[in-house]
Amino acid sequence: LLPTYGNEVYRKVLVLGLGKKEEFSPN
């Protein structure tokens, strides 16, 4: 999680790790 300090329309950015692309699934 990191703040945008008013430089964007959204207050913070949350980076969500999804792991290895080839292993990613709907579940």
mmCIF file of all heavy atoms, coordinates in Angstrom:
data_MODEL
# 
_entry.id   MODEL 
# 
loop_
_atom_site.group_PDB 
_atom_site.id 
_atom_site.type_symbol 
_atom_site.label_atom_id 
_atom_site.label_alt_id 
_atom_site.label_comp_id 
_atom_site.label_asym_id 
_atom_site.label_entity_id 
_atom_site.label_seq_id 
_atom_site.pdbx_PDB_ins_code 
_atom_site.Cartn_x 
_atom_site.Cartn_y 
_atom_site.Cartn_z 
_atom_site.occupancy 
_atom_site.B_iso_or_equiv 
_atom_site.pdbx_formal_charge 
_atom_site.auth_seq_id 
_atom_site.auth_comp_id 
_atom_site.auth_asym_id 
_atom_site.auth_atom_id 
_atom_site.pdbx_PDB_model_num 
ATOM 1   N N   . LEU A 1 1  ? 0.842   -1.195  0.000   1.00 0.00 ? 1  LEU A N   1 
ATOM 2   C CA  . LEU A 1 1  ? 0.000   0.000   0.000   1.00 0.00 ? 1  LEU A CA  1 
ATOM 3   C C   . LEU A 1 1  ? 0.876   1.245   0.000   1.00 0.00 ? 1  LEU A C   1 
ATOM 4   O O   . LEU A 1 1  ? 1.835   1.345   0.756   1.00 0.00 ? 1  LEU A O   1 
ATOM 5   C CB  . LEU A 1 1  ? -0.888  0.000   1.247   1.00 0.00 ? 1  LEU A CB  1 
ATOM 6   C CG  . LEU A 1 1  ? -1.931  1.113   1.367   1.00 0.00 ? 1  LEU A CG  1 
ATOM 7   C CD1 . LEU A 1 1  ? -3.035  0.915   0.342   1.00 0.00 ? 1  LEU A CD1 1 
ATOM 8   C CD2 . LEU A 1 1  ? -2.518  1.141   2.773   1.00 0.00 ? 1  LEU A CD2 1 
ATOM 9   N N   . LEU A 1 2  ? 0.551   2.197   -0.866  1.00 0.00 ? 2  LEU A N   1 
ATOM 10  C CA  . LEU A 1 2  ? 1.293   3.461   -0.883  1.00 0.00 ? 2  LEU A CA  1 
ATOM 11  C C   . LEU A 1 2  ? 0.363   4.626   -1.175  1.00 0.00 ? 2  LEU A C   1 
ATOM 12  O O   . LEU A 1 2  ? -0.620  4.482   -1.909  1.00 0.00 ? 2  LEU A O   1 
ATOM 13  C CB  . LEU A 1 2  ? 2.426   3.413   -1.900  1.00 0.00 ? 2  LEU A CB  1 
ATOM 14  C CG  . LEU A 1 2  ? 2.109   3.313   -3.392  1.00 0.00 ? 2  LEU A CG  1 
ATOM 15  C CD1 . LEU A 1 2  ? 3.286   3.829   -4.192  1.00 0.00 ? 2  LEU A CD1 1 
ATOM 16  C CD2 . LEU A 1 2  ? 1.830   1.874   -3.807  1.00 0.00 ? 2  LEU A CD2 1 
ATOM 17  N N   . PRO A 1 3  ? 0.646   5.788   -0.604  1.00 0.00 ? 3  PRO A N   1 
ATOM 18  C CA  . PRO A 1 3  ? -0.187  6.977   -0.827  1.00 0.00 ? 3  PRO A CA  1 
ATOM 19  C C   . PRO A 1 3  ? 0.155   7.658   -2.148  1.00 0.00 ? 3  PRO A C   1 
ATOM 20  O O   . PRO A 1 3  ? 1.249   7.495   -2.686  1.00 0.00 ? 3  PRO A O   1 
ATOM 21  C CB  . PRO A 1 3  ? 0.171   7.873   0.367   1.00 0.00 ? 3  PRO A CB  1 
ATOM 22  C CG  . PRO A 1 3  ? 1.591   7.496   0.691   1.00 0.00 ? 3  PRO A CG  1 
ATOM 23  C CD  . PRO A 1 3  ? 1.712   6.028   0.396   1.00 0.00 ? 3  PRO A CD  1 
ATOM 24  N N   . THR A 1 4  ? -0.793  8.437   -2.649  1.00 0.00 ? 4  THR A N   1 
ATOM 25  C CA  . THR A 1 4  ? -0.552  9.188   -3.890  1.00 0.00 ? 4  THR A CA  1 
ATOM 26  C C   . THR A 1 4  ? -0.289  10.667  -3.622  1.00 0.00 ? 4  THR A C   1 
ATOM 27  O O   . THR A 1 4  ? 0.014   11.408  -4.557  1.00 0.00 ? 4  THR A O   1 
ATOM 28  C CB  . THR A 1 4  ? -1.765  9.055   -4.832  1.00 0.00 ? 4  THR A CB  1 
ATOM 29  O OG1 . THR A 1 4  ? -2.910  9.642   -4.204  1.00 0.00 ? 4  THR A OG1 1 
ATOM 30  C CG2 . THR A 1 4  ? -2.039  7.601   -5.174  1.00 0.00 ? 4  THR A CG2 1 
ATOM 31  N N   . TYR A 1 5  ? -0.431  11.107  -2.361  1.00 0.00 ? 5  TYR A N   1 
ATOM 32  C CA  . TYR A 1 5  ? -0.132  12.485  -1.956  1.00 0.00 ? 5  TYR A CA  1 
ATOM 33  C C   . TYR A 1 5  ? -0.877  13.518  -2.802  1.00 0.00 ? 5  TYR A C   1 
ATOM 34  O O   . TYR A 1 5  ? -0.353  14.579  -3.137  1.00 0.00 ? 5  TYR A O   1 
ATOM 35  C CB  . TYR A 1 5  ? 1.374   12.748  -2.005  1.00 0.00 ? 5  TYR A CB  1 
ATOM 36  C CG  . TYR A 1 5  ? 2.160   11.842  -1.083  1.00 0.00 ? 5  TYR A CG  1 
ATOM 37  C CD1 . TYR A 1 5  ? 2.965   10.829  -1.591  1.00 0.00 ? 5  TYR A CD1 1 
ATOM 38  C CD2 . TYR A 1 5  ? 2.072   12.002  0.307   1.00 0.00 ? 5  TYR A CD2 1 
ATOM 39  C CE1 . TYR A 1 5  ? 3.674   9.997   -0.743  1.00 0.00 ? 5  TYR A CE1 1 
ATOM 40  C CE2 . TYR A 1 5  ? 2.779   11.169  1.163   1.00 0.00 ? 5  TYR A CE2 1 
ATOM 41  C CZ  . TYR A 1 5  ? 3.570   10.167  0.637   1.00 0.00 ? 5  TYR A CZ  1 
ATOM 42  O OH  . TYR A 1 5  ? 4.264   9.332   1.486   1.00 0.00 ? 5  TYR A OH  1 
ATOM 43  N N   . GLY A 1 6  ? -2.108  13.183  -3.153  1.00 0.00 ? 6  GLY A N   1 
ATOM 44  C CA  . GLY A 1 6  ? -2.949  14.126  -3.874  1.00 0.00 ? 6  GLY A CA  1 
ATOM 45  C C   . GLY A 1 6  ? -2.618  14.292  -5.341  1.00 0.00 ? 6  GLY A C   1 
ATOM 46  O O   . GLY A 1 6  ? -3.194  15.154  -6.016  1.00 0.00 ? 6  GLY A O   1 
ATOM 47  N N   . ASN A 1 7  ? -1.718  13.469  -5.855  1.00 0.00 ? 7  ASN A N   1 
ATOM 48  C CA  . ASN A 1 7  ? -1.329  13.572  -7.266  1.00 0.00 ? 7  ASN A CA  1 
ATOM 49  C C   . ASN A 1 7  ? -2.252  12.786  -8.199  1.00 0.00 ? 7  ASN A C   1 
ATOM 50  O O   . ASN A 1 7  ? -2.100  12.850  -9.419  1.00 0.00 ? 7  ASN A O   1 
ATOM 51  C CB  . ASN A 1 7  ? 0.112   13.086  -7.457  1.00 0.00 ? 7  ASN A CB  1 
ATOM 52  C CG  . ASN A 1 7  ? 1.112   13.994  -6.772  1.00 0.00 ? 7  ASN A CG  1 
ATOM 53  O OD1 . ASN A 1 7  ? 0.945   15.217  -6.780  1.00 0.00 ? 7  ASN A OD1 1 
ATOM 54  N ND2 . ASN A 1 7  ? 2.131   13.409  -6.147  1.00 0.00 ? 7  ASN A ND2 1 
ATOM 55  N N   . GLU A 1 8  ? -3.168  12.012  -7.629  1.00 0.00 ? 8  GLU A N   1 
ATOM 56  C CA  . GLU A 1 8  ? -4.117  11.228  -8.424  1.00 0.00 ? 8  GLU A CA  1 
ATOM 57  C C   . GLU A 1 8  ? -5.517  11.434  -7.863  1.00 0.00 ? 8  GLU A C   1 
ATOM 58  O O   . GLU A 1 8  ? -5.691  11.961  -6.753  1.00 0.00 ? 8  GLU A O   1 
ATOM 59  C CB  . GLU A 1 8  ? -3.758  9.730   -8.385  1.00 0.00 ? 8  GLU A CB  1 
ATOM 60  C CG  . GLU A 1 8  ? -2.357  9.396   -8.870  1.00 0.00 ? 8  GLU A CG  1 
ATOM 61  C CD  . GLU A 1 8  ? -2.205  9.522   -10.377 1.00 0.00 ? 8  GLU A CD  1 
ATOM 62  O OE1 . GLU A 1 8  ? -3.229  9.715   -11.071 1.00 0.00 ? 8  GLU A OE1 1 
ATOM 63  O OE2 . GLU A 1 8  ? -1.068  9.436   -10.863 1.00 0.00 ? 8  GLU A OE2 1 
ATOM 64  N N   . VAL A 1 9  ? -6.542  10.999  -8.603  1.00 0.00 ? 9  VAL A N   1 
ATOM 65  C CA  . VAL A 1 9  ? -7.924  11.132  -8.112  1.00 0.00 ? 9  VAL A CA  1 
ATOM 66  C C   . VAL A 1 9  ? -8.207  10.146  -6.984  1.00 0.00 ? 9  VAL A C   1 
ATOM 67  O O   . VAL A 1 9  ? -9.148  10.327  -6.222  1.00 0.00 ? 9  VAL A O   1 
ATOM 68  C CB  . VAL A 1 9  ? -8.950  10.933  -9.250  1.00 0.00 ? 9  VAL A CB  1 
ATOM 69  C CG1 . VAL A 1 9  ? -8.839  12.049  -10.267 1.00 0.00 ? 9  VAL A CG1 1 
ATOM 70  C CG2 . VAL A 1 9  ? -8.790  9.567   -9.910  1.00 0.00 ? 9  VAL A CG2 1 
ATOM 71  N N   . TYR A 1 10 ? -7.420  9.103   -6.885  1.00 0.00 ? 10 TYR A N   1 
ATOM 72  C CA  . TYR A 1 10 ? -7.543  8.114   -5.804  1.00 0.00 ? 10 TYR A CA  1 
ATOM 73  C C   . TYR A 1 10 ? -6.473  8.414   -4.756  1.00 0.00 ? 10 TYR A C   1 
ATOM 74  O O   . TYR A 1 10 ? -5.359  8.857   -5.067  1.00 0.00 ? 10 TYR A O   1 
ATOM 75  C CB  . TYR A 1 10 ? -7.409  6.688   -6.343  1.00 0.00 ? 10 TYR A CB  1 
ATOM 76  C CG  . TYR A 1 10 ? -6.364  6.522   -7.426  1.00 0.00 ? 10 TYR A CG  1 
ATOM 77  C CD1 . TYR A 1 10 ? -5.035  6.252   -7.110  1.00 0.00 ? 10 TYR A CD1 1 
ATOM 78  C CD2 . TYR A 1 10 ? -6.712  6.647   -8.772  1.00 0.00 ? 10 TYR A CD2 1 
ATOM 79  C CE1 . TYR A 1 10 ? -4.078  6.110   -8.108  1.00 0.00 ? 10 TYR A CE1 1 
ATOM 80  C CE2 . TYR A 1 10 ? -5.766  6.518   -9.776  1.00 0.00 ? 10 TYR A CE2 1 
ATOM 81  C CZ  . TYR A 1 10 ? -4.448  6.249   -9.438  1.00 0.00 ? 10 TYR A CZ  1 
ATOM 82  O OH  . TYR A 1 10 ? -3.503  6.119   -10.412 1.00 0.00 ? 10 TYR A OH  1 
ATOM 83  N N   . ARG A 1 11 ? -6.812  8.170   -3.481  1.00 0.00 ? 11 ARG A N   1 
ATOM 84  C CA  . ARG A 1 11 ? -5.926  8.559   -2.387  1.00 0.00 ? 11 ARG A CA  1 
ATOM 85  C C   . ARG A 1 11 ? -4.731  7.630   -2.221  1.00 0.00 ? 11 ARG A C   1 
ATOM 86  O O   . ARG A 1 11 ? -3.634  8.063   -1.875  1.00 0.00 ? 11 ARG A O   1 
ATOM 87  C CB  . ARG A 1 11 ? -6.717  8.618   -1.083  1.00 0.00 ? 11 ARG A CB  1 
ATOM 88  C CG  . ARG A 1 11 ? -7.747  9.750   -1.016  1.00 0.00 ? 11 ARG A CG  1 
ATOM 89  C CD  . ARG A 1 11 ? -8.551  9.695   0.275   1.00 0.00 ? 11 ARG A CD  1 
ATOM 90  N NE  . ARG A 1 11 ? -7.678  9.581   1.435   1.00 0.00 ? 11 ARG A NE  1 
ATOM 91  C CZ  . ARG A 1 11 ? -7.753  8.589   2.320   1.00 0.00 ? 11 ARG A CZ  1 
ATOM 92  N NH1 . ARG A 1 11 ? -8.641  7.618   2.175   1.00 0.00 ? 11 ARG A NH1 1 
ATOM 93  N NH2 . ARG A 1 11 ? -6.946  8.579   3.361   1.00 0.00 ? 11 ARG A NH2 1 
ATOM 94  N N   . LYS A 1 12 ? -4.954  6.329   -2.438  1.00 0.00 ? 12 LYS A N   1 
ATOM 95  C CA  . LYS A 1 12 ? -3.881  5.351   -2.232  1.00 0.00 ? 12 LYS A CA  1 
ATOM 96  C C   . LYS A 1 12 ? -3.920  4.300   -3.331  1.00 0.00 ? 12 LYS A C   1 
ATOM 97  O O   . LYS A 1 12 ? -4.953  4.094   -3.982  1.00 0.00 ? 12 LYS A O   1 
ATOM 98  C CB  . LYS A 1 12 ? -4.025  4.673   -0.861  1.00 0.00 ? 12 LYS A CB  1 
ATOM 99  C CG  . LYS A 1 12 ? -3.850  5.627   0.315   1.00 0.00 ? 12 LYS A CG  1 
ATOM 100 C CD  . LYS A 1 12 ? -4.030  4.910   1.649   1.00 0.00 ? 12 LYS A CD  1 
ATOM 101 C CE  . LYS A 1 12 ? -3.887  5.908   2.810   1.00 0.00 ? 12 LYS A CE  1 
ATOM 102 N NZ  . LYS A 1 12 ? -4.086  5.243   4.118   1.00 0.00 ? 12 LYS A NZ  1 
ATOM 103 N N   . VAL A 1 13 ? -2.810  3.639   -3.508  1.00 0.00 ? 13 VAL A N   1 
ATOM 104 C CA  . VAL A 1 13 ? -2.712  2.512   -4.434  1.00 0.00 ? 13 VAL A CA  1 
ATOM 105 C C   . VAL A 1 13 ? -2.395  1.256   -3.629  1.00 0.00 ? 13 VAL A C   1 
ATOM 106 O O   . VAL A 1 13 ? -1.471  1.261   -2.800  1.00 0.00 ? 13 VAL A O   1 
ATOM 107 C CB  . VAL A 1 13 ? -1.608  2.738   -5.496  1.00 0.00 ? 13 VAL A CB  1 
ATOM 108 C CG1 . VAL A 1 13 ? -1.460  1.499   -6.384  1.00 0.00 ? 13 VAL A CG1 1 
ATOM 109 C CG2 . VAL A 1 13 ? -1.924  3.948   -6.347  1.00 0.00 ? 13 VAL A CG2 1 
ATOM 110 N N   . LEU A 1 14 ? -3.160  0.209   -3.882  1.00 0.00 ? 14 LEU A N   1 
ATOM 111 C CA  . LEU A 1 14 ? -2.884  -1.093  -3.270  1.00 0.00 ? 14 LEU A CA  1 
ATOM 112 C C   . LEU A 1 14 ? -2.437  -2.037  -4.372  1.00 0.00 ? 14 LEU A C   1 
ATOM 113 O O   . LEU A 1 14 ? -3.189  -2.313  -5.312  1.00 0.00 ? 14 LEU A O   1 
ATOM 114 C CB  . LEU A 1 14 ? -4.136  -1.649  -2.585  1.00 0.00 ? 14 LEU A CB  1 
ATOM 115 C CG  . LEU A 1 14 ? -3.981  -3.026  -1.928  1.00 0.00 ? 14 LEU A CG  1 
ATOM 116 C CD1 . LEU A 1 14 ? -3.042  -2.944  -0.720  1.00 0.00 ? 14 LEU A CD1 1 
ATOM 117 C CD2 . LEU A 1 14 ? -5.333  -3.592  -1.494  1.00 0.00 ? 14 LEU A CD2 1 
ATOM 118 N N   . VAL A 1 15 ? -1.200  -2.505  -4.268  1.00 0.00 ? 15 VAL A N   1 
ATOM 119 C CA  . VAL A 1 15 ? -0.683  -3.448  -5.250  1.00 0.00 ? 15 VAL A CA  1 
ATOM 120 C C   . VAL A 1 15 ? -0.997  -4.854  -4.746  1.00 0.00 ? 15 VAL A C   1 
ATOM 121 O O   . VAL A 1 15 ? -0.613  -5.221  -3.628  1.00 0.00 ? 15 VAL A O   1 
ATOM 122 C CB  . VAL A 1 15 ? 0.835   -3.279  -5.454  1.00 0.00 ? 15 VAL A CB  1 
ATOM 123 C CG1 . VAL A 1 15 ? 1.299   -4.124  -6.637  1.00 0.00 ? 15 VAL A CG1 1 
ATOM 124 C CG2 . VAL A 1 15 ? 1.193   -1.818  -5.673  1.00 0.00 ? 15 VAL A CG2 1 
ATOM 125 N N   . LEU A 1 16 ? -1.686  -5.624  -5.562  1.00 0.00 ? 16 LEU A N   1 
ATOM 126 C CA  . LEU A 1 16 ? -2.159  -6.952  -5.180  1.00 0.00 ? 16 LEU A CA  1 
ATOM 127 C C   . LEU A 1 16 ? -1.372  -8.014  -5.932  1.00 0.00 ? 16 LEU A C   1 
ATOM 128 O O   . LEU A 1 16 ? -1.433  -8.093  -7.167  1.00 0.00 ? 16 LEU A O   1 
ATOM 129 C CB  . LEU A 1 16 ? -3.652  -7.075  -5.489  1.00 0.00 ? 16 LEU A CB  1 
ATOM 130 C CG  . LEU A 1 16 ? -4.349  -8.398  -5.171  1.00 0.00 ? 16 LEU A CG  1 
ATOM 131 C CD1 . LEU A 1 16 ? -4.295  -8.694  -3.667  1.00 0.00 ? 16 LEU A CD1 1 
ATOM 132 C CD2 . LEU A 1 16 ? -5.794  -8.368  -5.651  1.00 0.00 ? 16 LEU A CD2 1 
ATOM 133 N N   . GLY A 1 17 ? -0.626  -8.817  -5.206  1.00 0.00 ? 17 GLY A N   1 
ATOM 134 C CA  . GLY A 1 17 ? 0.154   -9.880  -5.830  1.00 0.00 ? 17 GLY A CA  1 
ATOM 135 C C   . GLY A 1 17 ? -0.722  -11.039 -6.274  1.00 0.00 ? 17 GLY A C   1 
ATOM 136 O O   . GLY A 1 17 ? -1.524  -11.550 -5.484  1.00 0.00 ? 17 GLY A O   1 
ATOM 137 N N   . LEU A 1 18 ? -0.570  -11.452 -7.538  1.00 0.00 ? 18 LEU A N   1 
ATOM 138 C CA  . LEU A 1 18 ? -1.355  -12.571 -8.071  1.00 0.00 ? 18 LEU A CA  1 
ATOM 139 C C   . LEU A 1 18 ? -0.501  -13.796 -8.363  1.00 0.00 ? 18 LEU A C   1 
ATOM 140 O O   . LEU A 1 18 ? -0.986  -14.778 -8.911  1.00 0.00 ? 18 LEU A O   1 
ATOM 141 C CB  . LEU A 1 18 ? -2.092  -12.138 -9.345  1.00 0.00 ? 18 LEU A CB  1 
ATOM 142 C CG  . LEU A 1 18 ? -3.099  -10.990 -9.188  1.00 0.00 ? 18 LEU A CG  1 
ATOM 143 C CD1 . LEU A 1 18 ? -3.839  -10.757 -10.500 1.00 0.00 ? 18 LEU A CD1 1 
ATOM 144 C CD2 . LEU A 1 18 ? -4.076  -11.235 -8.048  1.00 0.00 ? 18 LEU A CD2 1 
ATOM 145 N N   . GLY A 1 19 ? 0.794   -13.727 -7.971  1.00 0.00 ? 19 GLY A N   1 
ATOM 146 C CA  . GLY A 1 19 ? 1.651   -14.898 -8.149  1.00 0.00 ? 19 GLY A CA  1 
ATOM 147 C C   . GLY A 1 19 ? 2.092   -15.097 -9.587  1.00 0.00 ? 19 GLY A C   1 
ATOM 148 O O   . GLY A 1 19 ? 2.133   -14.160 -10.396 1.00 0.00 ? 19 GLY A O   1 
ATOM 149 N N   . LYS A 1 20 ? 2.387   -16.345 -9.919  1.00 0.00 ? 20 LYS A N   1 
ATOM 150 C CA  . LYS A 1 20 ? 2.850   -16.665 -11.271 1.00 0.00 ? 20 LYS A CA  1 
ATOM 151 C C   . LYS A 1 20 ? 1.666   -16.683 -12.231 1.00 0.00 ? 20 LYS A C   1 
ATOM 152 O O   . LYS A 1 20 ? 0.645   -17.302 -11.954 1.00 0.00 ? 20 LYS A O   1 
ATOM 153 C CB  . LYS A 1 20 ? 3.561   -18.020 -11.266 1.00 0.00 ? 20 LYS A CB  1 
ATOM 154 C CG  . LYS A 1 20 ? 4.833   -18.036 -10.426 1.00 0.00 ? 20 LYS A CG  1 
ATOM 155 C CD  . LYS A 1 20 ? 5.493   -19.400 -10.419 1.00 0.00 ? 20 LYS A CD  1 
ATOM 156 C CE  . LYS A 1 20 ? 6.758   -19.375 -9.567  1.00 0.00 ? 20 LYS A CE  1 
ATOM 157 N NZ  . LYS A 1 20 ? 7.415   -20.711 -9.506  1.00 0.00 ? 20 LYS A NZ  1 
ATOM 158 N N   . LYS A 1 21 ? 1.842   -16.015 -13.346 1.00 0.00 ? 21 LYS A N   1 
ATOM 159 C CA  . LYS A 1 21 ? 0.739   -15.840 -14.285 1.00 0.00 ? 21 LYS A CA  1 
ATOM 160 C C   . LYS A 1 21 ? 0.193   -17.167 -14.778 1.00 0.00 ? 21 LYS A C   1 
ATOM 161 O O   . LYS A 1 21 ? -1.022  -17.347 -14.915 1.00 0.00 ? 21 LYS A O   1 
ATOM 162 C CB  . LYS A 1 21 ? 1.204   -14.997 -15.470 1.00 0.00 ? 21 LYS A CB  1 
ATOM 163 C CG  . LYS A 1 21 ? 0.073   -14.478 -16.345 1.00 0.00 ? 21 LYS A CG  1 
ATOM 164 C CD  . LYS A 1 21 ? 0.586   -13.426 -17.312 1.00 0.00 ? 21 LYS A CD  1 
ATOM 165 C CE  . LYS A 1 21 ? -0.559  -12.749 -18.049 1.00 0.00 ? 21 LYS A CE  1 
ATOM 166 N NZ  . LYS A 1 21 ? -0.082  -11.658 -18.920 1.00 0.00 ? 21 LYS A NZ  1 
ATOM 167 N N   . GLU A 1 22 ? 1.087   -18.137 -15.035 1.00 0.00 ? 22 GLU A N   1 
ATOM 168 C CA  . GLU A 1 22 ? 0.652   -19.429 -15.565 1.00 0.00 ? 22 GLU A CA  1 
ATOM 169 C C   . GLU A 1 22 ? -0.111  -20.255 -14.535 1.00 0.00 ? 22 GLU A C   1 
ATOM 170 O O   . GLU A 1 22 ? -0.785  -21.225 -14.874 1.00 0.00 ? 22 GLU A O   1 
ATOM 171 C CB  . GLU A 1 22 ? 1.850   -20.212 -16.102 1.00 0.00 ? 22 GLU A CB  1 
ATOM 172 C CG  . GLU A 1 22 ? 2.900   -20.608 -15.059 1.00 0.00 ? 22 GLU A CG  1 
ATOM 173 C CD  . GLU A 1 22 ? 3.964   -19.537 -14.850 1.00 0.00 ? 22 GLU A CD  1 
ATOM 174 O OE1 . GLU A 1 22 ? 3.732   -18.374 -15.247 1.00 0.00 ? 22 GLU A OE1 1 
ATOM 175 O OE2 . GLU A 1 22 ? 5.027   -19.870 -14.288 1.00 0.00 ? 22 GLU A OE2 1 
ATOM 176 N N   . GLU A 1 23 ? -0.017  -19.878 -13.256 1.00 0.00 ? 23 GLU A N   1 
ATOM 177 C CA  . GLU A 1 23 ? -0.707  -20.621 -12.203 1.00 0.00 ? 23 GLU A CA  1 
ATOM 178 C C   . GLU A 1 23 ? -1.979  -19.911 -11.735 1.00 0.00 ? 23 GLU A C   1 
ATOM 179 O O   . GLU A 1 23 ? -2.724  -20.440 -10.910 1.00 0.00 ? 23 GLU A O   1 
ATOM 180 C CB  . GLU A 1 23 ? 0.225   -20.815 -11.004 1.00 0.00 ? 23 GLU A CB  1 
ATOM 181 C CG  . GLU A 1 23 ? 1.441   -21.681 -11.312 1.00 0.00 ? 23 GLU A CG  1 
ATOM 182 C CD  . GLU A 1 23 ? 2.380   -21.798 -10.129 1.00 0.00 ? 23 GLU A CD  1 
ATOM 183 O OE1 . GLU A 1 23 ? 2.094   -21.166 -9.074  1.00 0.00 ? 23 GLU A OE1 1 
ATOM 184 O OE2 . GLU A 1 23 ? 3.392   -22.512 -10.232 1.00 0.00 ? 23 GLU A OE2 1 
ATOM 185 N N   . PHE A 1 24 ? -2.238  -18.730 -12.279 1.00 0.00 ? 24 PHE A N   1 
ATOM 186 C CA  . PHE A 1 24 ? -3.383  -17.959 -11.821 1.00 0.00 ? 24 PHE A CA  1 
ATOM 187 C C   . PHE A 1 24 ? -4.668  -18.533 -12.396 1.00 0.00 ? 24 PHE A C   1 
ATOM 188 O O   . PHE A 1 24 ? -4.723  -18.957 -13.550 1.00 0.00 ? 24 PHE A O   1 
ATOM 189 C CB  . PHE A 1 24 ? -3.235  -16.498 -12.230 1.00 0.00 ? 24 PHE A CB  1 
ATOM 190 C CG  . PHE A 1 24 ? -4.196  -15.584 -11.541 1.00 0.00 ? 24 PHE A CG  1 
ATOM 191 C CD1 . PHE A 1 24 ? -4.172  -15.434 -10.166 1.00 0.00 ? 24 PHE A CD1 1 
ATOM 192 C CD2 . PHE A 1 24 ? -5.136  -14.866 -12.263 1.00 0.00 ? 24 PHE A CD2 1 
ATOM 193 C CE1 . PHE A 1 24 ? -5.061  -14.584 -9.519  1.00 0.00 ? 24 PHE A CE1 1 
ATOM 194 C CE2 . PHE A 1 24 ? -6.031  -14.018 -11.636 1.00 0.00 ? 24 PHE A CE2 1 
ATOM 195 C CZ  . PHE A 1 24 ? -5.992  -13.877 -10.265 1.00 0.00 ? 24 PHE A CZ  1 
ATOM 196 N N   . SER A 1 25 ? -5.733  -18.555 -11.592 1.00 0.00 ? 25 SER A N   1 
ATOM 197 C CA  . SER A 1 25 ? -6.991  -19.203 -11.966 1.00 0.00 ? 25 SER A CA  1 
ATOM 198 C C   . SER A 1 25 ? -8.169  -18.395 -11.433 1.00 0.00 ? 25 SER A C   1 
ATOM 199 O O   . SER A 1 25 ? -8.004  -17.513 -10.583 1.00 0.00 ? 25 SER A O   1 
ATOM 200 C CB  . SER A 1 25 ? -7.040  -20.613 -11.368 1.00 0.00 ? 25 SER A CB  1 
ATOM 201 O OG  . SER A 1 25 ? -7.099  -20.542 -9.946  1.00 0.00 ? 25 SER A OG  1 
ATOM 202 N N   . PRO A 1 26 ? -9.388  -18.705 -11.904 1.00 0.00 ? 26 PRO A N   1 
ATOM 203 C CA  . PRO A 1 26 ? -10.570 -18.022 -11.358 1.00 0.00 ? 26 PRO A CA  1 
ATOM 204 C C   . PRO A 1 26 ? -10.711 -18.181 -9.843  1.00 0.00 ? 26 PRO A C   1 
ATOM 205 O O   . PRO A 1 26 ? -11.122 -17.245 -9.158  1.00 0.00 ? 26 PRO A O   1 
ATOM 206 C CB  . PRO A 1 26 ? -11.730 -18.691 -12.112 1.00 0.00 ? 26 PRO A CB  1 
ATOM 207 C CG  . PRO A 1 26 ? -11.131 -19.090 -13.424 1.00 0.00 ? 26 PRO A CG  1 
ATOM 208 C CD  . PRO A 1 26 ? -9.736  -19.529 -13.088 1.00 0.00 ? 26 PRO A CD  1 
ATOM 209 N N   . ASN A 1 27 ? -10.375 -19.361 -9.317  1.00 0.00 ? 27 ASN A N   1 
ATOM 210 C CA  . ASN A 1 27 ? -10.457 -19.554 -7.867  1.00 0.00 ? 27 ASN A CA  1 
ATOM 211 C C   . ASN A 1 27 ? -9.472  -18.655 -7.136  1.00 0.00 ? 27 ASN A C   1 
ATOM 212 O O   . ASN A 1 27 ? -9.778  -18.089 -6.074  1.00 0.00 ? 27 ASN A O   1 
ATOM 213 C CB  . ASN A 1 27 ? -10.207 -21.019 -7.510  1.00 0.00 ? 27 ASN A CB  1 
ATOM 214 C CG  . ASN A 1 27 ? -11.417 -21.892 -7.764  1.00 0.00 ? 27 ASN A CG  1 
ATOM 215 O OD1 . ASN A 1 27 ? -12.549 -21.427 -7.719  1.00 0.00 ? 27 ASN A OD1 1 
ATOM 216 N ND2 . ASN A 1 27 ? -11.205 -23.163 -8.032  1.00 0.00 ? 27 ASN A ND2 1 
# 
